[in-house]
Amino acid sequence: MPKRIGLPADLVRNLVAARHARQWSQRDLAERAGLPQAHISAIETGKVAPRFDTLIDLARVLGFDLLLVPRALVPAVQSLIRDSRRSGDGEADEGERPLYADEP
């Protein structure tokens, strides 16, 4: 089995799950992110580690933000995410603003 050189496996699983939740193919995600489908495949299979800006673009297209979380707070953040998934409230509130200035 080839050594995984890409993103951590749990991050890849979350990206793939987000893509599947939207019923998008790799090609659909690639078009929305402005990337070749082969690059999405390589990221998802761990053959390539995306550049940071590519990872941010993929997260944005899939409706997520990347945050730096202090390690001590990771369990609390994970708990909030689990609770949000259970309640079906994974979408941002109308009043919430994106973290990045270039988003509408």
Protein backbone atom coordinates (compact mmCIF):
# COMPACT_ATOMS: atom_id res chain seq x y z
CA MET A 1 0.00 0.00 0.00
CA PRO A 2 1.48 3.39 -0.97
CA LYS A 3 2.37 5.80 1.81
CA ARG A 4 -0.15 8.58 2.29
CA ILE A 5 1.56 11.94 1.71
CA GLY A 6 -1.52 14.15 1.65
CA LEU A 7 -3.81 15.54 4.28
CA PRO A 8 -4.64 13.74 7.53
CA ALA A 9 -7.11 10.92 6.88
CA ASP A 10 -9.88 12.42 9.04
CA LEU A 11 -9.69 15.71 7.15
CA VAL A 12 -9.94 13.90 3.82
CA ARG A 13 -12.90 11.87 5.12
CA ASN A 14 -14.66 15.11 6.09
CA LEU A 15 -14.00 16.70 2.70
CA VAL A 16 -15.28 13.61 0.87
CA ALA A 17 -18.33 13.40 3.17
CA ALA A 18 -19.11 17.08 2.51
CA ARG A 19 -18.84 16.48 -1.23
CA HIS A 20 -21.10 13.42 -1.01
CA ALA A 21 -23.63 15.30 1.17
CA ARG A 22 -24.02 17.76 -1.70
CA GLN A 23 -24.27 14.84 -4.13
CA TRP A 24 -21.33 16.23 -6.06
CA SER A 25 -18.92 14.16 -8.09
CA GLN A 26 -15.22 14.93 -7.99
CA ARG A 27 -15.75 16.68 -11.31
CA ASP A 28 -18.50 18.88 -9.81
CA LEU A 29 -16.24 19.92 -6.94
CA ALA A 30 -13.33 20.48 -9.31
CA GLU A 31 -15.39 22.80 -11.51
CA ARG A 32 -16.63 24.81 -8.53
CA ALA A 33 -13.10 25.10 -7.10
CA GLY A 34 -11.44 25.79 -10.46
CA LEU A 35 -9.26 22.67 -10.32
CA PRO A 36 -8.79 19.62 -12.53
CA GLN A 37 -10.80 16.57 -11.46
CA ALA A 38 -7.56 14.57 -11.32
CA HIS A 39 -6.27 16.93 -8.62
CA ILE A 40 -9.38 16.34 -6.48
CA SER A 41 -8.84 12.61 -6.90
CA ALA A 42 -5.18 12.91 -5.91
CA ILE A 43 -6.10 14.92 -2.80
CA GLU A 44 -8.81 12.44 -1.80
CA THR A 45 -6.51 9.44 -2.25
CA GLY A 46 -3.59 11.01 -0.41
CA LYS A 47 -1.30 11.08 -3.43
CA VAL A 48 -0.86 14.85 -3.15
CA ALA A 49 -1.00 17.41 -0.37
CA PRO A 50 -2.86 20.49 -1.58
CA ARG A 51 -1.42 23.95 -1.14
CA PHE A 52 -2.93 25.85 1.75
CA ASP A 53 -4.86 28.21 -0.53
CA THR A 54 -6.30 25.22 -2.39
CA LEU A 55 -7.43 23.68 0.89
CA ILE A 56 -9.10 26.97 1.87
CA ASP A 57 -10.82 27.13 -1.53
CA LEU A 58 -12.11 23.56 -1.18
CA ALA A 59 -13.37 24.25 2.33
CA ARG A 60 -15.17 27.42 1.18
CA VAL A 61 -16.79 25.72 -1.81
CA LEU A 62 -18.01 22.95 0.50
CA GLY A 63 -19.44 25.45 2.98
CA PHE A 64 -16.75 25.31 5.66
CA ASP A 65 -14.08 27.57 7.13
CA LEU A 66 -10.63 26.56 8.34
CA LEU A 67 -9.76 27.71 11.85
CA LEU A 68 -6.73 27.44 14.08
CA VAL A 69 -8.03 26.05 17.34
CA PRO A 70 -5.89 25.82 20.47
CA ARG A 71 -5.33 22.14 21.23
CA ALA A 72 -6.90 22.49 24.65
CA LEU A 73 -10.16 23.56 22.97
CA VAL A 74 -10.27 20.85 20.29
CA PRO A 75 -12.51 18.51 22.36
CA ALA A 76 -14.97 21.35 22.96
CA VAL A 77 -15.04 22.28 19.26
CA GLN A 78 -15.50 18.63 18.27
CA SER A 79 -18.39 18.37 20.72
CA LEU A 80 -20.04 21.46 19.22
CA ILE A 81 -19.68 19.97 15.74
CA ARG A 82 -21.21 16.65 16.85
CA ASP A 83 -24.10 18.47 18.54
CA SER A 84 -24.66 20.59 15.44
CA ARG A 85 -24.77 17.49 13.24
CA ARG A 86 -27.25 15.78 15.58
CA SER A 87 -29.56 18.79 15.57
CA GLY A 88 -29.29 19.15 11.80
CA ASP A 89 -28.11 22.73 12.22
CA GLY A 90 -24.89 22.54 10.23
CA GLU A 91 -25.60 25.64 8.17
CA ALA A 92 -24.55 29.14 9.12
CA ASP A 93 -27.12 31.51 10.60
CA GLU A 94 -28.35 34.31 8.37
CA GLY A 95 -26.54 36.86 10.54
CA GLU A 96 -23.21 35.03 10.49
CA ARG A 97 -20.44 36.51 8.38
CA PRO A 98 -17.73 34.48 6.68
CA LEU A 99 -14.28 34.62 8.21
CA TYR A 100 -12.59 35.70 5.02
CA ALA A 101 -12.89 39.27 3.72
CA ASP A 102 -13.21 38.29 0.05
CA GLU A 103 -16.43 36.34 0.57
CA PRO A 104 -19.83 38.01 0.08
